[in-house]
Amino acid sequence: MTDPADEEQSPAQIRRTALYLTLAQVPAGCVVSYGDLAHLAGLGRAARWVGRTLSQLPGDTKLPWHRVLGAGGRISLPVGSASGDEQRARLRSEGVSILNNRVDIRRHGWRPVEHSG
């Protein structure tokens, strides 16, 4: 019997796994743009793909999807939409201030520690 961990993953599964593992590291009270998340996950310039992939997460996901924003800290989800209202409420509950549908990236942006070897 083979171990499921030994099975080949498709390129799409590998990309999703890299995205989810990176997203899971974004701490409460911090945000990251779609483009930066793609770059940090080793996916290059895949901001749109990140947005599409996050929009397909199951409703009960534990991943902090609400911490991912558009370029310049813009909240992409519309005001008044269920997911947009949930995103704003979650961010505020973590102490993230929102002004004119934007988050101050300089103040709340996630900057993982660079490891030099």
PDB file of N, CA and C in Angstrom:
ATOM      1  N   MET A   1       0.851  -1.190   0.000  1.00  0.00           N
ATOM      2  CA  MET A   1       0.000   0.000   0.000  1.00  0.00           C
ATOM      3  C   MET A   1       0.891   1.245   0.000  1.00  0.00           C
ATOM      4  N   THR A   2       0.514   2.243  -0.790  1.00  0.00           N
ATOM      5  CA  THR A   2       1.365   3.431  -0.879  1.00  0.00           C
ATOM      6  C   THR A   2       0.856   4.514   0.061  1.00  0.00           C
ATOM      7  N   ASP A   3       1.789   5.310   0.515  1.00  0.00           N
ATOM      8  CA  ASP A   3       1.479   6.445   1.376  1.00  0.00           C
ATOM      9  C   ASP A   3       0.933   7.578   0.495  1.00  0.00           C
ATOM     10  N   PRO A   4      -0.240   8.146   0.827  1.00  0.00           N
ATOM     11  CA  PRO A   4      -0.788   9.231  -0.008  1.00  0.00           C
ATOM     12  C   PRO A   4       0.185  10.399  -0.170  1.00  0.00           C
ATOM     13  N   ALA A   5       1.062  10.612   0.820  1.00  0.00           N
ATOM     14  CA  ALA A   5       2.021  11.713   0.731  1.00  0.00           C
ATOM     15  C   ALA A   5       3.054  11.466  -0.363  1.00  0.00           C
ATOM     16  N   ASP A   6       3.230  10.193  -0.763  1.00  0.00           N
ATOM     17  CA  ASP A   6       4.204   9.857  -1.801  1.00  0.00           C
ATOM     18  C   ASP A   6       3.640  10.026  -3.212  1.00  0.00           C
ATOM     19  N   GLU A   7       2.334  10.177  -3.334  1.00  0.00           N
ATOM     20  CA  GLU A   7       1.720  10.283  -4.650  1.00  0.00           C
ATOM     21  C   GLU A   7       2.088  11.615  -5.306  1.00  0.00           C
ATOM     22  N   GLU A   8       2.189  11.574  -6.630  1.00  0.00           N
ATOM     23  CA  GLU A   8       2.502  12.779  -7.399  1.00  0.00           C
ATOM     24  C   GLU A   8       1.363  13.786  -7.280  1.00  0.00           C
ATOM     25  N   GLN A   9       1.725  15.034  -7.047  1.00  0.00           N
ATOM     26  CA  GLN A   9       0.727  16.095  -7.061  1.00  0.00           C
ATOM     27  C   GLN A   9       0.776  16.770  -8.429  1.00  0.00           C
ATOM     28  N   SER A  10      -0.376  17.192  -8.911  1.00  0.00           N
ATOM     29  CA  SER A  10      -0.403  17.907 -10.183  1.00  0.00           C
ATOM     30  C   SER A  10       0.200  19.298  -9.964  1.00  0.00           C
ATOM     31  N   PRO A  11       0.668  19.938 -11.037  1.00  0.00           N
ATOM     32  CA  PRO A  11       1.189  21.306 -10.894  1.00  0.00           C
ATOM     33  C   PRO A  11       0.170  22.248 -10.243  1.00  0.00           C
ATOM     34  N   ALA A  12      -1.113  22.083 -10.568  1.00  0.00           N
ATOM     35  CA  ALA A  12      -2.148  22.940  -9.966  1.00  0.00           C
ATOM     36  C   ALA A  12      -2.243  22.709  -8.460  1.00  0.00           C
ATOM     37  N   GLN A  13      -2.157  21.433  -8.039  1.00  0.00           N
ATOM     38  CA  GLN A  13      -2.207  21.130  -6.602  1.00  0.00           C
ATOM     39  C   GLN A  13      -0.985  21.709  -5.888  1.00  0.00           C
ATOM     40  N   ILE A  14       0.169  21.626  -6.525  1.00  0.00           N
ATOM     41  CA  ILE A  14       1.397  22.162  -5.933  1.00  0.00           C
ATOM     42  C   ILE A  14       1.269  23.677  -5.756  1.00  0.00           C
ATOM     43  N   ARG A  15       0.736  24.348  -6.775  1.00  0.00           N
ATOM     44  CA  ARG A  15       0.544  25.816  -6.693  1.00  0.00           C
ATOM     45  C   ARG A  15      -0.428  26.177  -5.561  1.00  0.00           C
ATOM     46  N   ARG A  16      -1.548  25.453  -5.492  1.00  0.00           N
ATOM     47  CA  ARG A  16      -2.528  25.731  -4.432  1.00  0.00           C
ATOM     48  C   ARG A  16      -1.922  25.492  -3.058  1.00  0.00           C
ATOM     49  N   THR A  17      -1.183  24.395  -2.913  1.00  0.00           N
ATOM     50  CA  THR A  17      -0.563  24.083  -1.621  1.00  0.00           C
ATOM     51  C   THR A  17       0.408  25.185  -1.212  1.00  0.00           C
ATOM     52  N   ALA A  18       1.229  25.655  -2.144  1.00  0.00           N
ATOM     53  CA  ALA A  18       2.170  26.738  -1.849  1.00  0.00           C
ATOM     54  C   ALA A  18       1.414  27.993  -1.411  1.00  0.00           C
ATOM     55  N   LEU A  19       0.320  28.297  -2.111  1.00  0.00           N
ATOM     56  CA  LEU A  19      -0.493  29.462  -1.764  1.00  0.00           C
ATOM     57  C   LEU A  19      -1.074  29.323  -0.363  1.00  0.00           C
ATOM     58  N   TYR A  20      -1.691  28.173  -0.074  1.00  0.00           N
ATOM     59  CA  TYR A  20      -2.345  27.973   1.225  1.00  0.00           C
ATOM     60  C   TYR A  20      -1.343  27.984   2.367  1.00  0.00           C
ATOM     61  N   LEU A  21      -0.173  27.365   2.173  1.00  0.00           N
ATOM     62  CA  LEU A  21       0.833  27.348   3.237  1.00  0.00           C
ATOM     63  C   LEU A  21       1.337  28.756   3.535  1.00  0.00           C
ATOM     64  N   THR A  22       1.497  29.570   2.497  1.00  0.00           N
ATOM     65  CA  THR A  22       1.959  30.946   2.688  1.00  0.00           C
ATOM     66  C   THR A  22       0.863  31.783   3.347  1.00  0.00           C
ATOM     67  N   LEU A  23      -0.358  31.669   2.871  1.00  0.00           N
ATOM     68  CA  LEU A  23      -1.478  32.414   3.445  1.00  0.00           C
ATOM     69  C   LEU A  23      -1.661  32.085   4.925  1.00  0.00           C
ATOM     70  N   ALA A  24      -1.486  30.826   5.287  1.00  0.00           N
ATOM     71  CA  ALA A  24      -1.674  30.396   6.678  1.00  0.00           C
ATOM     72  C   ALA A  24      -0.697  31.093   7.625  1.00  0.00           C
ATOM     73  N   GLN A  25       0.406  31.622   7.094  1.00  0.00           N
ATOM     74  CA  GLN A  25       1.412  32.274   7.931  1.00  0.00           C
ATOM     75  C   GLN A  25       1.123  33.745   8.209  1.00  0.00           C
ATOM     76  N   VAL A  26       0.168  34.347   7.490  1.00  0.00           N
ATOM     77  CA  VAL A  26      -0.120  35.775   7.675  1.00  0.00           C
ATOM     78  C   VAL A  26      -0.759  35.954   9.048  1.00  0.00           C
ATOM     79  N   PRO A  27      -0.093  36.690   9.959  1.00  0.00           N
ATOM     80  CA  PRO A  27      -0.611  36.799  11.328  1.00  0.00           C
ATOM     81  C   PRO A  27      -1.807  37.752  11.443  1.00  0.00           C
ATOM     82  N   ALA A  28      -2.571  37.567  12.508  1.00  0.00           N
ATOM     83  CA  ALA A  28      -3.700  38.460  12.801  1.00  0.00           C
ATOM     84  C   ALA A  28      -3.194  39.890  12.892  1.00  0.00           C
ATOM     85  N   GLY A  29      -3.988  40.823  12.371  1.00  0.00           N
ATOM     86  CA  GLY A  29      -3.622  42.227  12.421  1.00  0.00           C
ATOM     87  C   GLY A  29      -2.723  42.662  11.275  1.00  0.00           C
ATOM     88  N   CYS A  30      -2.371  41.718  10.394  1.00  0.00           N
ATOM     89  CA  CYS A  30      -1.540  42.022   9.225  1.00  0.00           C
ATOM     90  C   CYS A  30      -2.304  41.700   7.950  1.00  0.00           C
ATOM     91  N   VAL A  31      -1.929  42.371   6.882  1.00  0.00           N
ATOM     92  CA  VAL A  31      -2.536  42.128   5.578  1.00  0.00           C
ATOM     93  C   VAL A  31      -1.438  41.971   4.540  1.00  0.00           C
ATOM     94  N   VAL A  32      -1.801  41.396   3.399  1.00  0.00           N
ATOM     95  CA  VAL A  32      -0.878  41.196   2.288  1.00  0.00           C
ATOM     96  C   VAL A  32      -1.675  41.360   0.999  1.00  0.00           C
ATOM     97  N   SER A  33      -1.042  41.885  -0.036  1.00  0.00           N
ATOM     98  CA  SER A  33      -1.758  42.042  -1.306  1.00  0.00           C
ATOM     99  C   SER A  33      -1.761  40.712  -2.058  1.00  0.00           C
ATOM    100  N   TYR A  34      -2.689  40.582  -3.008  1.00  0.00           N
ATOM    101  CA  TYR A  34      -2.744  39.379  -3.840  1.00  0.00           C
ATOM    102  C   TYR A  34      -1.389  39.153  -4.524  1.00  0.00           C
ATOM    103  N   GLY A  35      -0.824  40.222  -5.065  1.00  0.00           N
ATOM    104  CA  GLY A  35       0.452  40.110  -5.770  1.00  0.00           C
ATOM    105  C   GLY A  35       1.596  39.712  -4.858  1.00  0.00           C
ATOM    106  N   ASP A  36       1.673  40.322  -3.669  1.00  0.00           N
ATOM    107  CA  ASP A  36       2.741  39.968  -2.731  1.00  0.00           C
ATOM    108  C   ASP A  36       2.589  38.530  -2.251  1.00  0.00           C
ATOM    109  N   LEU A  37       1.343  38.096  -2.026  1.00  0.00           N
ATOM    110  CA  LEU A  37       1.109  36.720  -1.590  1.00  0.00           C
ATOM    111  C   LEU A  37       1.587  35.743  -2.668  1.00  0.00           C
ATOM    112  N   ALA A  38       1.278  36.043  -3.933  1.00  0.00           N
ATOM    113  CA  ALA A  38       1.735  35.193  -5.040  1.00  0.00           C
ATOM    114  C   ALA A  38       3.261  35.127  -5.051  1.00  0.00           C
ATOM    115  N   HIS A  39       3.907  36.283  -4.913  1.00  0.00           N
ATOM    116  CA  HIS A  39       5.375  36.335  -4.932  1.00  0.00           C
ATOM    117  C   HIS A  39       5.969  35.545  -3.763  1.00  0.00           C
ATOM    118  N   LEU A  40       5.428  35.751  -2.558  1.00  0.00           N
ATOM    119  CA  LEU A  40       5.941  35.063  -1.368  1.00  0.00           C
ATOM    120  C   LEU A  40       5.757  33.551  -1.459  1.00  0.00           C
ATOM    121  N   ALA A  41       4.712  33.122  -2.169  1.00  0.00           N
ATOM    122  CA  ALA A  41       4.442  31.688  -2.319  1.00  0.00           C
ATOM    123  C   ALA A  41       5.250  31.080  -3.473  1.00  0.00           C
ATOM    124  N   GLY A  42       6.064  31.916  -4.134  1.00  0.00           N
ATOM    125  CA  GLY A  42       6.877  31.415  -5.231  1.00  0.00           C
ATOM    126  C   GLY A  42       6.100  31.235  -6.522  1.00  0.00           C
ATOM    127  N   LEU A  43       5.012  31.981  -6.678  1.00  0.00           N
ATOM    128  CA  LEU A  43       4.141  31.822  -7.844  1.00  0.00           C
ATOM    129  C   LEU A  43       4.311  32.945  -8.865  1.00  0.00           C
ATOM    130  N   GLY A  44       5.303  33.788  -8.658  1.00  0.00           N
ATOM    131  CA  GLY A  44       5.556  34.867  -9.613  1.00  0.00           C
ATOM    132  C   GLY A  44       4.451  35.911  -9.611  1.00  0.00           C
ATOM    133  N   ARG A  45       4.104  36.369 -10.800  1.00  0.00           N
ATOM    134  CA  ARG A  45       3.114  37.445 -10.945  1.00  0.00           C
ATOM    135  C   ARG A  45       1.732  36.847 -11.182  1.00  0.00           C
ATOM    136  N   ALA A  46       1.201  36.196 -10.162  1.00  0.00           N
ATOM    137  CA  ALA A  46      -0.065  35.468 -10.310  1.00  0.00           C
ATOM    138  C   ALA A  46      -1.167  36.053  -9.430  1.00  0.00           C
ATOM    139  N   ALA A  47      -1.203  37.374  -9.303  1.00  0.00           N
ATOM    140  CA  ALA A  47      -2.177  38.009  -8.405  1.00  0.00           C
ATOM    141  C   ALA A  47      -3.617  37.634  -8.760  1.00  0.00           C
ATOM    142  N   ARG A  48      -3.948  37.649 -10.050  1.00  0.00           N
ATOM    143  CA  ARG A  48      -5.328  37.318 -10.451  1.00  0.00           C
ATOM    144  C   ARG A  48      -5.657  35.872 -10.133  1.00  0.00           C
ATOM    145  N   TRP A  49      -4.693  34.983 -10.357  1.00  0.00           N
ATOM    146  CA  TRP A  49      -4.901  33.569 -10.040  1.00  0.00           C
ATOM    147  C   TRP A  49      -5.132  33.395  -8.539  1.00  0.00           C
ATOM    148  N   VAL A  50      -4.371  34.124  -7.723  1.00  0.00           N
ATOM    149  CA  VAL A  50      -4.549  34.063  -6.266  1.00  0.00           C
ATOM    150  C   VAL A  50      -5.970  34.487  -5.912  1.00  0.00           C
ATOM    151  N   GLY A  51      -6.437  35.588  -6.480  1.00  0.00           N
ATOM    152  CA  GLY A  51      -7.790  36.058  -6.204  1.00  0.00           C
ATOM    153  C   GLY A  51      -8.849  35.040  -6.586  1.00  0.00           C
ATOM    154  N   ARG A  52      -8.705  34.460  -7.776  1.00  0.00           N
ATOM    155  CA  ARG A  52      -9.668  33.439  -8.219  1.00  0.00           C
ATOM    156  C   ARG A  52      -9.645  32.230  -7.291  1.00  0.00           C
ATOM    157  N   THR A  53      -8.448  31.782  -6.936  1.00  0.00           N
ATOM    158  CA  THR A  53      -8.313  30.595  -6.096  1.00  0.00           C
ATOM    159  C   THR A  53      -8.907  30.836  -4.713  1.00  0.00           C
ATOM    160  N   LEU A  54      -8.656  32.006  -4.131  1.00  0.00           N
ATOM    161  CA  LEU A  54      -9.210  32.306  -2.802  1.00  0.00           C
ATOM    162  C   LEU A  54     -10.729  32.427  -2.854  1.00  0.00           C
ATOM    163  N   SER A  55     -11.263  32.871  -3.981  1.00  0.00           N
ATOM    164  CA  SER A  55     -12.724  33.010  -4.082  1.00  0.00           C
ATOM    165  C   SER A  55     -13.409  31.645  -4.096  1.00  0.00           C
ATOM    166  N   GLN A  56     -12.637  30.576  -4.344  1.00  0.00           N
ATOM    167  CA  GLN A  56     -13.207  29.226  -4.402  1.00  0.00           C
ATOM    168  C   GLN A  56     -13.009  28.436  -3.106  1.00  0.00           C
ATOM    169  N   LEU A  57     -12.474  29.082  -2.062  1.00  0.00           N
ATOM    170  CA  LEU A  57     -12.295  28.385  -0.782  1.00  0.00           C
ATOM    171  C   LEU A  57     -13.652  28.020  -0.204  1.00  0.00           C
ATOM    172  N   PRO A  58     -13.735  26.891   0.504  1.00  0.00           N
ATOM    173  CA  PRO A  58     -15.008  26.539   1.144  1.00  0.00           C
ATOM    174  C   PRO A  58     -15.353  27.546   2.243  1.00  0.00           C
ATOM    175  N   GLY A  59     -16.643  27.696   2.510  1.00  0.00           N
ATOM    176  CA  GLY A  59     -17.100  28.672   3.497  1.00  0.00           C
ATOM    177  C   GLY A  59     -16.549  28.457   4.895  1.00  0.00           C
ATOM    178  N   ASP A  60     -16.217  27.218   5.232  1.00  0.00           N
ATOM    179  CA  ASP A  60     -15.749  26.924   6.588  1.00  0.00           C
ATOM    180  C   ASP A  60     -14.217  26.870   6.683  1.00  0.00           C
ATOM    181  N   THR A  61     -13.519  27.428   5.678  1.00  0.00           N
ATOM    182  CA  THR A  61     -12.059  27.383   5.688  1.00  0.00           C
ATOM    183  C   THR A  61     -11.486  28.097   6.917  1.00  0.00           C
ATOM    184  N   LYS A  62     -10.374  27.580   7.404  1.00  0.00           N
ATOM    185  CA  LYS A  62      -9.670  28.215   8.519  1.00  0.00           C
ATOM    186  C   LYS A  62      -8.594  29.167   8.012  1.00  0.00           C
ATOM    187  N   LEU A  63      -8.358  29.189   6.697  1.00  0.00           N
ATOM    188  CA  LEU A  63      -7.345  30.088   6.140  1.00  0.00           C
ATOM    189  C   LEU A  63      -7.793  31.547   6.278  1.00  0.00           C
ATOM    190  N   PRO A  64      -6.859  32.438   6.598  1.00  0.00           N
ATOM    191  CA  PRO A  64      -7.214  33.854   6.807  1.00  0.00           C
ATOM    192  C   PRO A  64      -7.335  34.631   5.494  1.00  0.00           C
ATOM    193  N   TRP A  65      -8.270  34.233   4.651  1.00  0.00           N
ATOM    194  CA  TRP A  65      -8.474  34.869   3.343  1.00  0.00           C
ATOM    195  C   TRP A  65      -8.756  36.361   3.469  1.00  0.00           C
ATOM    196  N   HIS A  66      -9.328  36.751   4.605  1.00  0.00           N
ATOM    197  CA  HIS A  66      -9.727  38.152   4.794  1.00  0.00           C
ATOM    198  C   HIS A  66      -8.522  39.084   4.916  1.00  0.00           C
ATOM    199  N   ARG A  67      -7.333  38.534   5.092  1.00  0.00           N
ATOM    200  CA  ARG A  67      -6.126  39.354   5.232  1.00  0.00           C
ATOM    201  C   ARG A  67      -5.460  39.651   3.891  1.00  0.00           C
ATOM    202  N   VAL A  68      -6.083  39.223   2.796  1.00  0.00           N
ATOM    203  CA  VAL A  68      -5.521  39.444   1.459  1.00  0.00           C
ATOM    204  C   VAL A  68      -6.295  40.575   0.783  1.00  0.00           C
ATOM    205  N   LEU A  69      -5.552  41.579   0.314  1.00  0.00           N
ATOM    206  CA  LEU A  69      -6.165  42.786  -0.246  1.00  0.00           C
ATOM    207  C   LEU A  69      -5.630  43.069  -1.641  1.00  0.00           C
ATOM    208  N   GLY A  70      -6.298  43.975  -2.319  1.00  0.00           N
ATOM    209  CA  GLY A  70      -5.821  44.426  -3.616  1.00  0.00           C
ATOM    210  C   GLY A  70      -4.604  45.316  -3.458  1.00  0.00           C
ATOM    211  N   ALA A  71      -4.039  45.707  -4.581  1.00  0.00           N
ATOM    212  CA  ALA A  71      -2.845  46.554  -4.580  1.00  0.00           C
ATOM    213  C   ALA A  71      -3.096  47.836  -3.794  1.00  0.00           C
ATOM    214  N   GLY A  72      -2.090  48.266  -3.055  1.00  0.00           N
ATOM    215  CA  GLY A  72      -2.191  49.505  -2.286  1.00  0.00           C
ATOM    216  C   GLY A  72      -3.109  49.414  -1.090  1.00  0.00           C
ATOM    217  N   GLY A  73      -3.488  48.200  -0.687  1.00  0.00           N
ATOM    218  CA  GLY A  73      -4.329  48.033   0.492  1.00  0.00           C
ATOM    219  C   GLY A  73      -5.819  48.155   0.224  1.00  0.00           C
ATOM    220  N   ARG A  74      -6.205  48.147  -1.051  1.00  0.00           N
ATOM    221  CA  ARG A  74      -7.619  48.304  -1.405  1.00  0.00           C
ATOM    222  C   ARG A  74      -8.386  47.016  -1.118  1.00  0.00           C
ATOM    223  N   ILE A  75      -9.538  47.158  -0.478  1.00  0.00           N
ATOM    224  CA  ILE A  75     -10.411  46.002  -0.258  1.00  0.00           C
ATOM    225  C   ILE A  75     -11.189  45.773  -1.551  1.00  0.00           C
ATOM    226  N   SER A  76     -10.991  44.584  -2.125  1.00  0.00           N
ATOM    227  CA  SER A  76     -11.556  44.292  -3.448  1.00  0.00           C
ATOM    228  C   SER A  76     -13.031  43.917  -3.402  1.00  0.00           C
ATOM    229  N   LEU A  77     -13.450  43.297  -2.295  1.00  0.00           N
ATOM    230  CA  LEU A  77     -14.835  42.835  -2.214  1.00  0.00           C
ATOM    231  C   LEU A  77     -15.771  44.027  -1.984  1.00  0.00           C
ATOM    232  N   PRO A  78     -16.911  44.042  -2.665  1.00  0.00           N
ATOM    233  CA  PRO A  78     -17.801  45.208  -2.600  1.00  0.00           C
ATOM    234  C   PRO A  78     -18.420  45.430  -1.219  1.00  0.00           C
ATOM    235  N   VAL A  79     -18.554  46.708  -0.858  1.00  0.00           N
ATOM    236  CA  VAL A  79     -19.272  47.076   0.364  1.00  0.00           C
ATOM    237  C   VAL A  79     -20.707  46.602   0.191  1.00  0.00           C
ATOM    238  N   GLY A  80     -21.279  46.002   1.231  1.00  0.00           N
ATOM    239  CA  GLY A  80     -22.654  45.531   1.157  1.00  0.00           C
ATOM    240  C   GLY A  80     -22.772  44.075   0.736  1.00  0.00           C
ATOM    241  N   SER A  81     -21.687  43.491   0.207  1.00  0.00           N
ATOM    242  CA  SER A  81     -21.734  42.057  -0.124  1.00  0.00           C
ATOM    243  C   SER A  81     -21.444  41.277   1.155  1.00  0.00           C
ATOM    244  N   ALA A  82     -21.973  40.062   1.246  1.00  0.00           N
ATOM    245  CA  ALA A  82     -21.777  39.255   2.456  1.00  0.00           C
ATOM    246  C   ALA A  82     -20.300  39.029   2.727  1.00  0.00           C
ATOM    247  N   SER A  83     -19.535  38.646   1.686  1.00  0.00           N
ATOM    248  CA  SER A  83     -18.110  38.373   1.900  1.00  0.00           C
ATOM    249  C   SER A  83     -17.341  39.660   2.183  1.00  0.00           C
ATOM    250  N   GLY A  84     -17.717  40.750   1.530  1.00  0.00           N
ATOM    251  CA  GLY A  84     -17.059  42.038   1.779  1.00  0.00           C
ATOM    252  C   GLY A  84     -17.288  42.521   3.201  1.00  0.00           C
ATOM    253  N   ASP A  85     -18.532  42.412   3.662  1.00  0.00           N
ATOM    254  CA  ASP A  85     -18.848  42.832   5.035  1.00  0.00           C
ATOM    255  C   ASP A  85     -18.128  41.937   6.041  1.00  0.00           C
ATOM    256  N   GLU A  86     -18.051  40.639   5.747  1.00  0.00           N
ATOM    257  CA  GLU A  86     -17.346  39.726   6.643  1.00  0.00           C
ATOM    258  C   GLU A  86     -15.859  40.068   6.694  1.00  0.00           C
ATOM    259  N   GLN A  87     -15.275  40.362   5.528  1.00  0.00           N
ATOM    260  CA  GLN A  87     -13.855  40.713   5.487  1.00  0.00           C
ATOM    261  C   GLN A  87     -13.586  41.963   6.327  1.00  0.00           C
ATOM    262  N   ARG A  88     -14.381  42.986   6.168  1.00  0.00           N
ATOM    263  CA  ARG A  88     -14.184  44.224   6.923  1.00  0.00           C
ATOM    264  C   ARG A  88     -14.345  43.987   8.425  1.00  0.00           C
ATOM    265  N   ALA A  89     -15.362  43.210   8.809  1.00  0.00           N
ATOM    266  CA  ALA A  89     -15.593  42.919  10.227  1.00  0.00           C
ATOM    267  C   ALA A  89     -14.428  42.134  10.822  1.00  0.00           C
ATOM    268  N   ARG A  90     -13.930  41.142  10.086  1.00  0.00           N
ATOM    269  CA  ARG A  90     -12.804  40.337  10.596  1.00  0.00           C
ATOM    270  C   ARG A  90     -11.555  41.195  10.758  1.00  0.00           C
ATOM    271  N   LEU A  91     -11.273  42.036   9.765  1.00  0.00           N
ATOM    272  CA  LEU A  91     -10.088  42.894   9.852  1.00  0.00           C
ATOM    273  C   LEU A  91     -10.197  43.848  11.042  1.00  0.00           C
ATOM    274  N   ARG A  92     -11.359  44.473  11.199  1.00  0.00           N
ATOM    275  CA  ARG A  92     -11.544  45.400  12.328  1.00  0.00           C
ATOM    276  C   ARG A  92     -11.396  44.685  13.664  1.00  0.00           C
ATOM    277  N   SER A  93     -11.890  43.442  13.749  1.00  0.00           N
ATOM    278  CA  SER A  93     -11.788  42.691  15.008  1.00  0.00           C
ATOM    279  C   SER A  93     -10.334  42.366  15.341  1.00  0.00           C
ATOM    280  N   GLU A  94      -9.456  42.395  14.337  1.00  0.00           N
ATOM    281  CA  GLU A  94      -8.027  42.147  14.551  1.00  0.00           C
ATOM    282  C   GLU A  94      -7.250  43.455  14.746  1.00  0.00           C
ATOM    283  N   GLY A  95      -7.975  44.577  14.818  1.00  0.00           N
ATOM    284  CA  GLY A  95      -7.316  45.858  15.055  1.00  0.00           C
ATOM    285  C   GLY A  95      -6.822  46.558  13.806  1.00  0.00           C
ATOM    286  N   VAL A  96      -7.259  46.098  12.640  1.00  0.00           N
ATOM    287  CA  VAL A  96      -6.851  46.722  11.380  1.00  0.00           C
ATOM    288  C   VAL A  96      -7.819  47.855  11.077  1.00  0.00           C
ATOM    289  N   SER A  97      -7.279  49.054  10.890  1.00  0.00           N
ATOM    290  CA  SER A  97      -8.149  50.192  10.593  1.00  0.00           C
ATOM    291  C   SER A  97      -8.362  50.311   9.088  1.00  0.00           C
ATOM    292  N   ILE A  98      -9.606  50.604   8.721  1.00  0.00           N
ATOM    293  CA  ILE A  98     -10.000  50.727   7.319  1.00  0.00           C
ATOM    294  C   ILE A  98     -10.512  52.139   7.104  1.00  0.00           C
ATOM    295  N   LEU A  99      -9.949  52.826   6.111  1.00  0.00           N
ATOM    296  CA  LEU A  99     -10.366  54.191   5.805  1.00  0.00           C
ATOM    297  C   LEU A  99     -10.555  54.288   4.300  1.00  0.00           C
ATOM    298  N   ASN A 100     -11.731  54.754   3.875  1.00  0.00           N
ATOM    299  CA  ASN A 100     -12.029  54.874   2.442  1.00  0.00           C
ATOM    300  C   ASN A 100     -11.772  53.568   1.692  1.00  0.00           C
ATOM    301  N   ASN A 101     -12.202  52.465   2.308  1.00  0.00           N
ATOM    302  CA  ASN A 101     -12.100  51.144   1.694  1.00  0.00           C
ATOM    303  C   ASN A 101     -10.650  50.693   1.484  1.00  0.00           C
ATOM    304  N   ARG A 102      -9.727  51.265   2.257  1.00  0.00           N
ATOM    305  CA  ARG A 102      -8.311  50.899   2.170  1.00  0.00           C
ATOM    306  C   ARG A 102      -7.742  50.640   3.555  1.00  0.00           C
ATOM    307  N   VAL A 103      -6.704  49.804   3.566  1.00  0.00           N
ATOM    308  CA  VAL A 103      -5.944  49.527   4.774  1.00  0.00           C
ATOM    309  C   VAL A 103      -4.561  50.131   4.562  1.00  0.00           C
ATOM    310  N   ASP A 104      -4.005  50.753   5.586  1.00  0.00           N
ATOM    311  CA  ASP A 104      -2.668  51.339   5.510  1.00  0.00           C
ATOM    312  C   ASP A 104      -1.636  50.210   5.477  1.00  0.00           C
ATOM    313  N   ILE A 105      -1.109  49.951   4.286  1.00  0.00           N
ATOM    314  CA  ILE A 105      -0.153  48.852   4.102  1.00  0.00           C
ATOM    315  C   ILE A 105       1.128  49.106   4.896  1.00  0.00           C
ATOM    316  N   ARG A 106       1.550  50.355   4.993  1.00  0.00           N
ATOM    317  CA  ARG A 106       2.779  50.632   5.758  1.00  0.00           C
ATOM    318  C   ARG A 106       2.607  50.233   7.215  1.00  0.00           C
ATOM    319  N   ARG A 107       1.406  50.406   7.729  1.00  0.00           N
ATOM    320  CA  ARG A 107       1.153  50.102   9.144  1.00  0.00           C
ATOM    321  C   ARG A 107       0.818  48.629   9.369  1.00  0.00           C
ATOM    322  N   HIS A 108       0.002  48.049   8.483  1.00  0.00           N
ATOM    323  CA  HIS A 108      -0.512  46.697   8.702  1.00  0.00           C
ATOM    324  C   HIS A 108       0.062  45.641   7.759  1.00  0.00           C
ATOM    325  N   GLY A 109       0.895  46.046   6.813  1.00  0.00           N
ATOM    326  CA  GLY A 109       1.422  45.089   5.834  1.00  0.00           C
ATOM    327  C   GLY A 109       2.310  44.031   6.477  1.00  0.00           C
ATOM    328  N   TRP A 110       2.145  42.804   6.027  1.00  0.00           N
ATOM    329  CA  TRP A 110       2.938  41.683   6.552  1.00  0.00           C
ATOM    330  C   TRP A 110       4.265  41.636   5.824  1.00  0.00           C
ATOM    331  N   ARG A 111       5.347  41.642   6.581  1.00  0.00           N
ATOM    332  CA  ARG A 111       6.680  41.523   6.018  1.00  0.00           C
ATOM    333  C   ARG A 111       7.381  40.352   6.689  1.00  0.00           C
ATOM    334  N   PRO A 112       7.294  39.178   6.092  1.00  0.00           N
ATOM    335  CA  PRO A 112       7.963  38.030   6.712  1.00  0.00           C
ATOM    336  C   PRO A 112       9.476  38.276   6.768  1.00  0.00           C
ATOM    337  N   VAL A 113      10.088  37.741   7.784  1.00  0.00           N
ATOM    338  CA  VAL A 113      11.533  37.926   7.962  1.00  0.00           C
ATOM    339  C   VAL A 113      12.278  37.214   6.827  1.00  0.00           C
ATOM    340  N   GLU A 114      13.148  37.936   6.189  1.00  0.00           N
ATOM    341  CA  GLU A 114      13.966  37.351   5.126  1.00  0.00           C
ATOM    342  C   GLU A 114      15.084  36.537   5.766  1.00  0.00           C
ATOM    343  N   HIS A 115      15.254  35.332   5.323  1.00  0.00           N
ATOM    344  CA  HIS A 115      16.325  34.480   5.842  1.00  0.00           C
ATOM    345  C   HIS A 115      17.472  34.499   4.868  1.00  0.00           C
ATOM    346  N   SER A 116      18.624  34.953   5.335  1.00  0.00           N
ATOM    347  CA  SER A 116      19.790  34.905   4.442  1.00  0.00           C
ATOM    348  C   SER A 116      20.654  33.730   4.840  1.00  0.00           C
ATOM    349  N   GLY A 117      21.126  32.996   3.865  1.00  0.00           N
ATOM    350  CA  GLY A 117      21.874  31.797   4.167  1.00  0.00           C
ATOM    351  C   GLY A 117      23.250  31.956   3.661  1.00  0.00           C
TER     352      GLY A 117
END
